[in-house]
Protein backbone atom coordinates (compact mmCIF):
# COMPACT_ATOMS: atom_id res chain seq x y z
CA UNK A 1 0.00 0.00 0.00
CA UNK A 2 1.41 3.37 -1.03
CA UNK A 3 1.03 6.62 0.89
CA UNK A 4 1.51 8.64 -2.28
CA UNK A 5 -1.64 10.41 -3.34
CA UNK A 6 -2.26 11.26 -6.98
CA UNK A 7 -0.93 14.65 -8.08
CA UNK A 8 -3.40 17.45 -7.54
CA UNK A 9 -4.51 19.44 -10.57
CA UNK A 10 -2.98 22.90 -10.74
CA UNK A 11 -5.10 25.88 -9.76
CA UNK A 12 -2.95 28.06 -12.01
CA UNK A 13 -3.77 28.44 -15.68
CA UNK A 14 -0.66 28.40 -17.87
CA UNK A 15 0.80 30.54 -19.22
CA UNK A 16 0.14 33.29 -16.70
CA UNK A 17 1.96 36.11 -14.96
CA UNK A 18 2.92 34.79 -11.52
CA UNK A 19 4.35 36.86 -8.62
CA UNK A 20 7.20 35.38 -6.56
CA UNK A 21 8.38 37.19 -3.43
CA UNK A 22 12.02 36.81 -2.48
CA UNK A 23 13.74 38.20 0.61
CA UNK A 24 17.41 38.59 1.32
CA UNK A 25 19.97 40.90 2.84
CA UNK A 26 20.19 44.29 1.19
CA UNK A 27 23.60 43.89 -0.47
CA UNK A 28 25.11 44.87 -3.80
CA UNK A 29 24.27 42.37 -6.49
CA UNK A 30 21.17 40.89 -4.82
CA UNK A 31 18.64 42.25 -7.32
CA UNK A 32 20.95 41.50 -10.28
CA UNK A 33 21.30 37.89 -9.07
CA UNK A 34 17.52 37.51 -8.88
CA UNK A 35 17.07 38.98 -12.36
CA UNK A 36 19.68 36.52 -13.69
CA UNK A 37 17.80 33.55 -12.17
CA UNK A 38 14.42 34.86 -13.36
CA UNK A 39 15.67 35.13 -16.95
CA UNK A 40 16.92 31.53 -16.85
CA UNK A 41 13.32 30.42 -16.33
CA UNK A 42 11.53 33.20 -18.24
CA UNK A 43 13.58 34.69 -21.11
CA UNK A 44 10.89 37.39 -21.50
CA UNK A 45 11.25 38.53 -17.87
CA UNK A 46 10.98 42.34 -17.69
CA UNK A 47 13.19 43.90 -15.01
CA UNK A 48 10.93 46.98 -15.04
CA UNK A 49 8.20 44.91 -13.33
CA UNK A 50 10.30 44.32 -10.19
CA UNK A 51 8.82 45.54 -6.93
CA UNK A 52 11.32 46.38 -4.17
CA UNK A 53 10.56 46.85 -0.47
CA UNK A 54 13.18 47.65 2.13
CA UNK A 55 12.82 46.36 5.69
CA UNK A 56 12.27 48.90 8.47
CA UNK A 57 15.90 48.74 9.53
CA UNK A 58 17.13 48.77 5.93
CA UNK A 59 19.07 45.51 6.34
CA UNK A 60 16.78 43.35 4.18
CA UNK A 61 15.14 43.75 0.81
CA UNK A 62 11.92 42.16 -0.40
CA UNK A 63 11.72 41.69 -4.16
CA UNK A 64 8.63 40.64 -6.10
CA UNK A 65 9.40 39.03 -9.46
CA UNK A 66 6.57 38.71 -11.99
CA UNK A 67 7.36 35.58 -13.99
CA UNK A 68 5.51 34.22 -16.99
CA UNK A 69 4.72 30.76 -15.62
CA UNK A 70 4.44 28.08 -18.29
CA UNK A 71 4.14 24.94 -16.12
CA UNK A 72 4.10 23.65 -12.56
CA UNK A 73 7.49 22.05 -13.19
CA UNK A 74 8.95 25.42 -14.23
CA UNK A 75 7.66 27.08 -11.04
CA UNK A 76 8.85 24.22 -8.81
CA UNK A 77 12.34 24.37 -10.31
CA UNK A 78 12.42 28.19 -10.05
CA UNK A 79 11.46 27.99 -6.35
CA UNK A 80 14.17 25.36 -5.75
CA UNK A 81 16.79 27.45 -7.56
CA UNK A 82 15.90 30.65 -5.69
CA UNK A 83 15.65 28.86 -2.32
CA UNK A 84 19.14 27.38 -2.72
CA UNK A 85 20.75 30.69 -3.80
CA UNK A 86 23.23 31.87 -1.14
CA UNK A 87 21.89 35.47 -1.15
CA UNK A 88 18.25 34.42 -0.66
CA UNK A 89 16.74 34.02 2.82
CA UNK A 90 13.06 33.32 1.98
CA UNK A 91 10.98 32.59 -1.14
CA UNK A 92 7.19 32.96 -1.05
PDB file of N, CA and C in Angstrom:
ATOM      1  N   UNK A   1       0.845  -1.181   0.000  1.00  0.00           N
ATOM      2  CA  UNK A   1       0.000   0.000   0.000  1.00  0.00           C
ATOM      3  C   UNK A   1       0.893   1.247   0.000  1.00  0.00           C
ATOM      4  N   UNK A   2       0.591   2.167  -0.881  1.00  0.00           N
ATOM      5  CA  UNK A   2       1.413   3.370  -1.030  1.00  0.00           C
ATOM      6  C   UNK A   2       0.741   4.561  -0.355  1.00  0.00           C
ATOM      7  N   UNK A   3       1.555   5.399   0.271  1.00  0.00           N
ATOM      8  CA  UNK A   3       1.034   6.618   0.894  1.00  0.00           C
ATOM      9  C   UNK A   3       0.934   7.769  -0.103  1.00  0.00           C
ATOM     10  N   UNK A   4       1.487   7.569  -1.286  1.00  0.00           N
ATOM     11  CA  UNK A   4       1.507   8.637  -2.281  1.00  0.00           C
ATOM     12  C   UNK A   4       0.109   8.860  -2.835  1.00  0.00           C
ATOM     13  N   UNK A   5      -0.348  10.086  -2.770  1.00  0.00           N
ATOM     14  CA  UNK A   5      -1.644  10.413  -3.345  1.00  0.00           C
ATOM     15  C   UNK A   5      -1.426  10.901  -4.769  1.00  0.00           C
ATOM     16  N   UNK A   6      -2.434  10.801  -5.599  1.00  0.00           N
ATOM     17  CA  UNK A   6      -2.256  11.257  -6.985  1.00  0.00           C
ATOM     18  C   UNK A   6      -1.984  12.758  -7.011  1.00  0.00           C
ATOM     19  N   UNK A   7      -1.226  13.208  -8.010  1.00  0.00           N
ATOM     20  CA  UNK A   7      -0.931  14.650  -8.084  1.00  0.00           C
ATOM     21  C   UNK A   7      -2.222  15.461  -8.201  1.00  0.00           C
ATOM     22  N   UNK A   8      -2.234  16.577  -7.500  1.00  0.00           N
ATOM     23  CA  UNK A   8      -3.400  17.452  -7.537  1.00  0.00           C
ATOM     24  C   UNK A   8      -3.359  18.312  -8.803  1.00  0.00           C
ATOM     25  N   UNK A   9      -4.511  18.557  -9.402  1.00  0.00           N
ATOM     26  CA  UNK A   9      -4.509  19.436 -10.566  1.00  0.00           C
ATOM     27  C   UNK A   9      -4.099  20.850 -10.150  1.00  0.00           C
ATOM     28  N   UNK A  10      -3.443  21.549 -11.041  1.00  0.00           N
ATOM     29  CA  UNK A  10      -2.976  22.900 -10.741  1.00  0.00           C
ATOM     30  C   UNK A  10      -4.137  23.877 -10.728  1.00  0.00           C
ATOM     31  N   UNK A  11      -4.091  24.818  -9.809  1.00  0.00           N
ATOM     32  CA  UNK A  11      -5.100  25.877  -9.761  1.00  0.00           C
ATOM     33  C   UNK A  11      -4.683  27.063 -10.626  1.00  0.00           C
ATOM     34  N   UNK A  12      -3.489  26.986 -11.180  1.00  0.00           N
ATOM     35  CA  UNK A  12      -2.946  28.059 -12.010  1.00  0.00           C
ATOM     36  C   UNK A  12      -3.169  27.696 -13.472  1.00  0.00           C
ATOM     37  N   UNK A  13      -3.645  28.649 -14.243  1.00  0.00           N
ATOM     38  CA  UNK A  13      -3.768  28.436 -15.685  1.00  0.00           C
ATOM     39  C   UNK A  13      -2.471  28.899 -16.328  1.00  0.00           C
ATOM     40  N   UNK A  14      -1.928  28.074 -17.208  1.00  0.00           N
ATOM     41  CA  UNK A  14      -0.659  28.400 -17.874  1.00  0.00           C
ATOM     42  C   UNK A  14      -0.925  28.745 -19.330  1.00  0.00           C
ATOM     43  N   UNK A  15      -0.154  29.649 -19.900  1.00  0.00           N
ATOM     44  CA  UNK A  15       0.800  30.537 -19.223  1.00  0.00           C
ATOM     45  C   UNK A  15       0.070  31.661 -18.484  1.00  0.00           C
ATOM     46  N   UNK A  16       0.703  32.157 -17.435  1.00  0.00           N
ATOM     47  CA  UNK A  16       0.145  33.288 -16.697  1.00  0.00           C
ATOM     48  C   UNK A  16       1.262  34.032 -15.987  1.00  0.00           C
ATOM     49  N   UNK A  17       1.003  35.298 -15.704  1.00  0.00           N
ATOM     50  CA  UNK A  17       1.958  36.115 -14.958  1.00  0.00           C
ATOM     51  C   UNK A  17       1.829  35.731 -13.489  1.00  0.00           C
ATOM     52  N   UNK A  18       2.949  35.343 -12.875  1.00  0.00           N
ATOM     53  CA  UNK A  18       2.920  34.793 -11.521  1.00  0.00           C
ATOM     54  C   UNK A  18       3.909  35.548 -10.640  1.00  0.00           C
ATOM     55  N   UNK A  19       3.441  36.123  -9.505  1.00  0.00           N
ATOM     56  CA  UNK A  19       4.351  36.857  -8.620  1.00  0.00           C
ATOM     57  C   UNK A  19       5.091  35.913  -7.668  1.00  0.00           C
ATOM     58  N   UNK A  20       6.385  36.128  -7.512  1.00  0.00           N
ATOM     59  CA  UNK A  20       7.196  35.377  -6.559  1.00  0.00           C
ATOM     60  C   UNK A  20       7.910  36.390  -5.679  1.00  0.00           C
ATOM     61  N   UNK A  21       7.731  36.264  -4.366  1.00  0.00           N
ATOM     62  CA  UNK A  21       8.383  37.186  -3.427  1.00  0.00           C
ATOM     63  C   UNK A  21       9.643  36.533  -2.887  1.00  0.00           C
ATOM     64  N   UNK A  22      10.719  37.300  -2.915  1.00  0.00           N
ATOM     65  CA  UNK A  22      12.022  36.809  -2.477  1.00  0.00           C
ATOM     66  C   UNK A  22      12.585  37.821  -1.484  1.00  0.00           C
ATOM     67  N   UNK A  23      13.130  37.314  -0.374  1.00  0.00           N
ATOM     68  CA  UNK A  23      13.736  38.204   0.613  1.00  0.00           C
ATOM     69  C   UNK A  23      15.182  37.807   0.863  1.00  0.00           C
ATOM     70  N   UNK A  24      16.003  38.826   1.035  1.00  0.00           N
ATOM     71  CA  UNK A  24      17.406  38.592   1.325  1.00  0.00           C
ATOM     72  C   UNK A  24      18.025  39.840   1.919  1.00  0.00           C
ATOM     73  N   UNK A  25      19.287  39.732   2.301  1.00  0.00           N
ATOM     74  CA  UNK A  25      19.975  40.901   2.843  1.00  0.00           C
ATOM     75  C   UNK A  25      20.137  41.941   1.743  1.00  0.00           C
ATOM     76  N   UNK A  26      20.053  43.183   2.146  1.00  0.00           N
ATOM     77  CA  UNK A  26      20.185  44.292   1.194  1.00  0.00           C
ATOM     78  C   UNK A  26      21.679  44.501   0.925  1.00  0.00           C
ATOM     79  N   UNK A  27      22.182  43.810  -0.099  1.00  0.00           N
ATOM     80  CA  UNK A  27      23.596  43.890  -0.468  1.00  0.00           C
ATOM     81  C   UNK A  27      23.711  44.121  -1.970  1.00  0.00           C
ATOM     82  N   UNK A  28      24.862  44.662  -2.370  1.00  0.00           N
ATOM     83  CA  UNK A  28      25.110  44.875  -3.796  1.00  0.00           C
ATOM     84  C   UNK A  28      25.015  43.541  -4.526  1.00  0.00           C
ATOM     85  N   UNK A  29      24.348  43.553  -5.656  1.00  0.00           N
ATOM     86  CA  UNK A  29      24.271  42.366  -6.489  1.00  0.00           C
ATOM     87  C   UNK A  29      23.070  41.481  -6.225  1.00  0.00           C
ATOM     88  N   UNK A  30      22.317  41.737  -5.148  1.00  0.00           N
ATOM     89  CA  UNK A  30      21.172  40.887  -4.816  1.00  0.00           C
ATOM     90  C   UNK A  30      20.113  40.923  -5.922  1.00  0.00           C
ATOM     91  N   UNK A  31      19.687  42.123  -6.300  1.00  0.00           N
ATOM     92  CA  UNK A  31      18.644  42.254  -7.324  1.00  0.00           C
ATOM     93  C   UNK A  31      19.141  41.707  -8.660  1.00  0.00           C
ATOM     94  N   UNK A  32      20.384  42.005  -9.016  1.00  0.00           N
ATOM     95  CA  UNK A  32      20.947  41.502 -10.275  1.00  0.00           C
ATOM     96  C   UNK A  32      20.972  39.976 -10.297  1.00  0.00           C
ATOM     97  N   UNK A  33      21.274  39.360  -9.160  1.00  0.00           N
ATOM     98  CA  UNK A  33      21.296  37.894  -9.072  1.00  0.00           C
ATOM     99  C   UNK A  33      19.894  37.328  -9.287  1.00  0.00           C
ATOM    100  N   UNK A  34      18.894  37.975  -8.710  1.00  0.00           N
ATOM    101  CA  UNK A  34      17.519  37.510  -8.878  1.00  0.00           C
ATOM    102  C   UNK A  34      17.063  37.655 -10.322  1.00  0.00           C
ATOM    103  N   UNK A  35      17.428  38.763 -10.955  1.00  0.00           N
ATOM    104  CA  UNK A  35      17.071  38.976 -12.361  1.00  0.00           C
ATOM    105  C   UNK A  35      17.720  37.896 -13.229  1.00  0.00           C
ATOM    106  N   UNK A  36      18.969  37.560 -12.940  1.00  0.00           N
ATOM    107  CA  UNK A  36      19.678  36.515 -13.693  1.00  0.00           C
ATOM    108  C   UNK A  36      18.937  35.178 -13.588  1.00  0.00           C
ATOM    109  N   UNK A  37      18.537  34.809 -12.376  1.00  0.00           N
ATOM    110  CA  UNK A  37      17.805  33.551 -12.174  1.00  0.00           C
ATOM    111  C   UNK A  37      16.453  33.610 -12.883  1.00  0.00           C
ATOM    112  N   UNK A  38      15.743  34.726 -12.736  1.00  0.00           N
ATOM    113  CA  UNK A  38      14.423  34.863 -13.360  1.00  0.00           C
ATOM    114  C   UNK A  38      14.511  34.668 -14.872  1.00  0.00           C
ATOM    115  N   UNK A  39      15.535  35.232 -15.486  1.00  0.00           N
ATOM    116  CA  UNK A  39      15.671  35.126 -16.947  1.00  0.00           C
ATOM    117  C   UNK A  39      16.043  33.716 -17.401  1.00  0.00           C
ATOM    118  N   UNK A  40      16.638  32.920 -16.504  1.00  0.00           N
ATOM    119  CA  UNK A  40      16.925  31.526 -16.850  1.00  0.00           C
ATOM    120  C   UNK A  40      15.621  30.750 -17.034  1.00  0.00           C
ATOM    121  N   UNK A  41      14.592  31.128 -16.292  1.00  0.00           N
ATOM    122  CA  UNK A  41      13.316  30.420 -16.334  1.00  0.00           C
ATOM    123  C   UNK A  41      12.276  31.118 -17.197  1.00  0.00           C
ATOM    124  N   UNK A  42      12.456  32.415 -17.419  1.00  0.00           N
ATOM    125  CA  UNK A  42      11.532  33.198 -18.242  1.00  0.00           C
ATOM    126  C   UNK A  42      12.351  34.196 -19.055  1.00  0.00           C
ATOM    127  N   UNK A  43      12.746  33.803 -20.284  1.00  0.00           N
ATOM    128  CA  UNK A  43      13.577  34.694 -21.107  1.00  0.00           C
ATOM    129  C   UNK A  43      12.913  36.039 -21.407  1.00  0.00           C
ATOM    130  N   UNK A  44      11.590  36.129 -21.243  1.00  0.00           N
ATOM    131  CA  UNK A  44      10.888  37.388 -21.505  1.00  0.00           C
ATOM    132  C   UNK A  44      10.748  38.240 -20.246  1.00  0.00           C
ATOM    133  N   UNK A  45      11.365  37.808 -19.133  1.00  0.00           N
ATOM    134  CA  UNK A  45      11.249  38.534 -17.868  1.00  0.00           C
ATOM    135  C   UNK A  45      11.629  39.995 -18.060  1.00  0.00           C
ATOM    136  N   UNK A  46      10.777  40.894 -17.560  1.00  0.00           N
ATOM    137  CA  UNK A  46      10.983  42.336 -17.688  1.00  0.00           C
ATOM    138  C   UNK A  46      11.397  42.915 -16.336  1.00  0.00           C
ATOM    139  N   UNK A  47      12.639  43.339 -16.256  1.00  0.00           N
ATOM    140  CA  UNK A  47      13.188  43.898 -15.011  1.00  0.00           C
ATOM    141  C   UNK A  47      12.389  45.103 -14.516  1.00  0.00           C
ATOM    142  N   UNK A  48      11.710  45.799 -15.422  1.00  0.00           N
ATOM    143  CA  UNK A  48      10.930  46.983 -15.044  1.00  0.00           C
ATOM    144  C   UNK A  48       9.730  46.617 -14.167  1.00  0.00           C
ATOM    145  N   UNK A  49       9.353  45.327 -14.135  1.00  0.00           N
ATOM    146  CA  UNK A  49       8.201  44.908 -13.332  1.00  0.00           C
ATOM    147  C   UNK A  49       8.580  44.562 -11.896  1.00  0.00           C
ATOM    148  N   UNK A  50       9.860  44.630 -11.553  1.00  0.00           N
ATOM    149  CA  UNK A  50      10.303  44.325 -10.193  1.00  0.00           C
ATOM    150  C   UNK A  50       9.651  45.263  -9.189  1.00  0.00           C
ATOM    151  N   UNK A  51       9.289  44.719  -8.041  1.00  0.00           N
ATOM    152  CA  UNK A  51       8.816  45.544  -6.927  1.00  0.00           C
ATOM    153  C   UNK A  51       9.797  45.338  -5.789  1.00  0.00           C
ATOM    154  N   UNK A  52      10.325  46.440  -5.250  1.00  0.00           N
ATOM    155  CA  UNK A  52      11.317  46.378  -4.174  1.00  0.00           C
ATOM    156  C   UNK A  52      10.753  47.000  -2.910  1.00  0.00           C
ATOM    157  N   UNK A  53      10.983  46.318  -1.779  1.00  0.00           N
ATOM    158  CA  UNK A  53      10.564  46.848  -0.474  1.00  0.00           C
ATOM    159  C   UNK A  53      11.683  46.625   0.527  1.00  0.00           C
ATOM    160  N   UNK A  54      12.142  47.723   1.101  1.00  0.00           N
ATOM    161  CA  UNK A  54      13.184  47.649   2.134  1.00  0.00           C
ATOM    162  C   UNK A  54      12.553  47.338   3.482  1.00  0.00           C
ATOM    163  N   UNK A  55      13.288  46.602   4.324  1.00  0.00           N
ATOM    164  CA  UNK A  55      12.816  46.363   5.694  1.00  0.00           C
ATOM    165  C   UNK A  55      12.919  47.663   6.485  1.00  0.00           C
ATOM    166  N   UNK A  56      12.245  47.696   7.629  1.00  0.00           N
ATOM    167  CA  UNK A  56      12.271  48.902   8.465  1.00  0.00           C
ATOM    168  C   UNK A  56      13.687  49.347   8.793  1.00  0.00           C
ATOM    169  N   UNK A  57      14.528  48.400   9.158  1.00  0.00           N
ATOM    170  CA  UNK A  57      15.899  48.739   9.526  1.00  0.00           C
ATOM    171  C   UNK A  57      16.820  48.922   8.331  1.00  0.00           C
ATOM    172  N   UNK A  58      16.322  48.605   7.139  1.00  0.00           N
ATOM    173  CA  UNK A  58      17.127  48.772   5.934  1.00  0.00           C
ATOM    174  C   UNK A  58      18.134  47.660   5.691  1.00  0.00           C
ATOM    175  N   UNK A  59      18.101  46.599   6.503  1.00  0.00           N
ATOM    176  CA  UNK A  59      19.072  45.514   6.337  1.00  0.00           C
ATOM    177  C   UNK A  59      18.633  44.466   5.323  1.00  0.00           C
ATOM    178  N   UNK A  60      17.326  44.370   5.076  1.00  0.00           N
ATOM    179  CA  UNK A  60      16.784  43.348   4.181  1.00  0.00           C
ATOM    180  C   UNK A  60      16.001  44.001   3.056  1.00  0.00           C
ATOM    181  N   UNK A  61      15.871  43.261   1.969  1.00  0.00           N
ATOM    182  CA  UNK A  61      15.142  43.754   0.811  1.00  0.00           C
ATOM    183  C   UNK A  61      14.183  42.668   0.359  1.00  0.00           C
ATOM    184  N   UNK A  62      12.920  43.049   0.171  1.00  0.00           N
ATOM    185  CA  UNK A  62      11.920  42.155  -0.398  1.00  0.00           C
ATOM    186  C   UNK A  62      11.770  42.496  -1.865  1.00  0.00           C
ATOM    187  N   UNK A  63      11.809  41.488  -2.717  1.00  0.00           N
ATOM    188  CA  UNK A  63      11.716  41.694  -4.158  1.00  0.00           C
ATOM    189  C   UNK A  63      10.594  40.819  -4.696  1.00  0.00           C
ATOM    190  N   UNK A  64       9.668  41.424  -5.435  1.00  0.00           N
ATOM    191  CA  UNK A  64       8.629  40.645  -6.102  1.00  0.00           C
ATOM    192  C   UNK A  64       8.980  40.555  -7.571  1.00  0.00           C
ATOM    193  N   UNK A  65       9.118  39.311  -8.048  1.00  0.00           N
ATOM    194  CA  UNK A  65       9.397  39.027  -9.456  1.00  0.00           C
ATOM    195  C   UNK A  65       8.086  38.595 -10.102  1.00  0.00           C
ATOM    196  N   UNK A  66       7.768  39.129 -11.259  1.00  0.00           N
ATOM    197  CA  UNK A  66       6.571  38.710 -11.989  1.00  0.00           C
ATOM    198  C   UNK A  66       7.034  37.861 -13.173  1.00  0.00           C
ATOM    199  N   UNK A  67       6.872  36.557 -13.016  1.00  0.00           N
ATOM    200  CA  UNK A  67       7.364  35.582 -13.985  1.00  0.00           C
ATOM    201  C   UNK A  67       6.218  35.105 -14.864  1.00  0.00           C
ATOM    202  N   UNK A  68       6.493  34.879 -16.141  1.00  0.00           N
ATOM    203  CA  UNK A  68       5.511  34.216 -16.991  1.00  0.00           C
ATOM    204  C   UNK A  68       5.647  32.723 -16.735  1.00  0.00           C
ATOM    205  N   UNK A  69       4.701  32.186 -15.985  1.00  0.00           N
ATOM    206  CA  UNK A  69       4.719  30.763 -15.624  1.00  0.00           C
ATOM    207  C   UNK A  69       4.141  29.950 -16.773  1.00  0.00           C
ATOM    208  N   UNK A  70       4.880  28.921 -17.179  1.00  0.00           N
ATOM    209  CA  UNK A  70       4.435  28.082 -18.290  1.00  0.00           C
ATOM    210  C   UNK A  70       4.064  26.671 -17.836  1.00  0.00           C
ATOM    211  N   UNK A  71       4.473  26.278 -16.618  1.00  0.00           N
ATOM    212  CA  UNK A  71       4.136  24.944 -16.116  1.00  0.00           C
ATOM    213  C   UNK A  71       4.421  24.868 -14.620  1.00  0.00           C
ATOM    214  N   UNK A  72       3.832  23.888 -13.986  1.00  0.00           N
ATOM    215  CA  UNK A  72       4.096  23.655 -12.562  1.00  0.00           C
ATOM    216  C   UNK A  72       5.562  23.280 -12.355  1.00  0.00           C
ATOM    217  N   UNK A  73       6.089  22.473 -13.277  1.00  0.00           N
ATOM    218  CA  UNK A  73       7.490  22.051 -13.189  1.00  0.00           C
ATOM    219  C   UNK A  73       8.432  23.251 -13.242  1.00  0.00           C
ATOM    220  N   UNK A  74       8.132  24.203 -14.121  1.00  0.00           N
ATOM    221  CA  UNK A  74       8.952  25.417 -14.228  1.00  0.00           C
ATOM    222  C   UNK A  74       8.943  26.174 -12.897  1.00  0.00           C
ATOM    223  N   UNK A  75       7.759  26.360 -12.309  1.00  0.00           N
ATOM    224  CA  UNK A  75       7.656  27.084 -11.040  1.00  0.00           C
ATOM    225  C   UNK A  75       8.364  26.338  -9.916  1.00  0.00           C
ATOM    226  N   UNK A  76       8.182  25.014  -9.854  1.00  0.00           N
ATOM    227  CA  UNK A  76       8.848  24.223  -8.811  1.00  0.00           C
ATOM    228  C   UNK A  76      10.365  24.361  -8.907  1.00  0.00           C
ATOM    229  N   UNK A  77      10.890  24.278 -10.119  1.00  0.00           N
ATOM    230  CA  UNK A  77      12.343  24.375 -10.305  1.00  0.00           C
ATOM    231  C   UNK A  77      12.841  25.792 -10.000  1.00  0.00           C
ATOM    232  N   UNK A  78      12.059  26.796 -10.359  1.00  0.00           N
ATOM    233  CA  UNK A  78      12.423  28.185 -10.047  1.00  0.00           C
ATOM    234  C   UNK A  78      12.467  28.389  -8.532  1.00  0.00           C
ATOM    235  N   UNK A  79      11.458  27.885  -7.811  1.00  0.00           N
ATOM    236  CA  UNK A  79      11.455  27.990  -6.348  1.00  0.00           C
ATOM    237  C   UNK A  79      12.670  27.283  -5.754  1.00  0.00           C
ATOM    238  N   UNK A  80      12.998  26.095  -6.259  1.00  0.00           N
ATOM    239  CA  UNK A  80      14.169  25.357  -5.746  1.00  0.00           C
ATOM    240  C   UNK A  80      15.463  26.142  -5.999  1.00  0.00           C
ATOM    241  N   UNK A  81      15.575  26.696  -7.201  1.00  0.00           N
ATOM    242  CA  UNK A  81      16.788  27.447  -7.560  1.00  0.00           C
ATOM    243  C   UNK A  81      16.928  28.689  -6.692  1.00  0.00           C
ATOM    244  N   UNK A  82      15.840  29.441  -6.528  1.00  0.00           N
ATOM    245  CA  UNK A  82      15.901  30.646  -5.692  1.00  0.00           C
ATOM    246  C   UNK A  82      16.167  30.286  -4.234  1.00  0.00           C
ATOM    247  N   UNK A  83      15.504  29.257  -3.725  1.00  0.00           N
ATOM    248  CA  UNK A  83      15.655  28.862  -2.318  1.00  0.00           C
ATOM    249  C   UNK A  83      17.083  28.426  -1.991  1.00  0.00           C
ATOM    250  N   UNK A  84      17.777  27.865  -2.967  1.00  0.00           N
ATOM    251  CA  UNK A  84      19.137  27.377  -2.720  1.00  0.00           C
ATOM    252  C   UNK A  84      20.195  28.446  -3.011  1.00  0.00           C
ATOM    253  N   UNK A  85      19.787  29.617  -3.494  1.00  0.00           N
ATOM    254  CA  UNK A  85      20.747  30.692  -3.804  1.00  0.00           C
ATOM    255  C   UNK A  85      21.305  31.244  -2.493  1.00  0.00           C
ATOM    256  N   UNK A  86      22.623  31.421  -2.403  1.00  0.00           N
ATOM    257  CA  UNK A  86      23.229  31.873  -1.139  1.00  0.00           C
ATOM    258  C   UNK A  86      22.797  33.259  -0.674  1.00  0.00           C
ATOM    259  N   UNK A  87      22.300  34.119  -1.558  1.00  0.00           N
ATOM    260  CA  UNK A  87      21.887  35.466  -1.153  1.00  0.00           C
ATOM    261  C   UNK A  87      20.426  35.507  -0.694  1.00  0.00           C
ATOM    262  N   UNK A  88      19.690  34.432  -0.941  1.00  0.00           N
ATOM    263  CA  UNK A  88      18.251  34.415  -0.662  1.00  0.00           C
ATOM    264  C   UNK A  88      17.981  33.817   0.718  1.00  0.00           C
ATOM    265  N   UNK A  89      17.134  34.513   1.484  1.00  0.00           N
ATOM    266  CA  UNK A  89      16.740  34.020   2.817  1.00  0.00           C
ATOM    267  C   UNK A  89      15.399  33.303   2.760  1.00  0.00           C
ATOM    268  N   UNK A  90      14.419  33.863   2.027  1.00  0.00           N
ATOM    269  CA  UNK A  90      13.058  33.315   1.977  1.00  0.00           C
ATOM    270  C   UNK A  90      12.485  33.508   0.565  1.00  0.00           C
ATOM    271  N   UNK A  91      11.722  32.487   0.120  1.00  0.00           N
ATOM    272  CA  UNK A  91      10.982  32.591  -1.140  1.00  0.00           C
ATOM    273  C   UNK A  91       9.524  32.275  -0.840  1.00  0.00           C
ATOM    274  N   UNK A  92       8.638  33.157  -1.254  1.00  0.00           N
ATOM    275  CA  UNK A  92       7.185  32.957  -1.053  1.00  0.00           C
ATOM    276  C   UNK A  92       6.470  32.972  -2.391  1.00  0.00           C
TER     277      UNK A  92
END
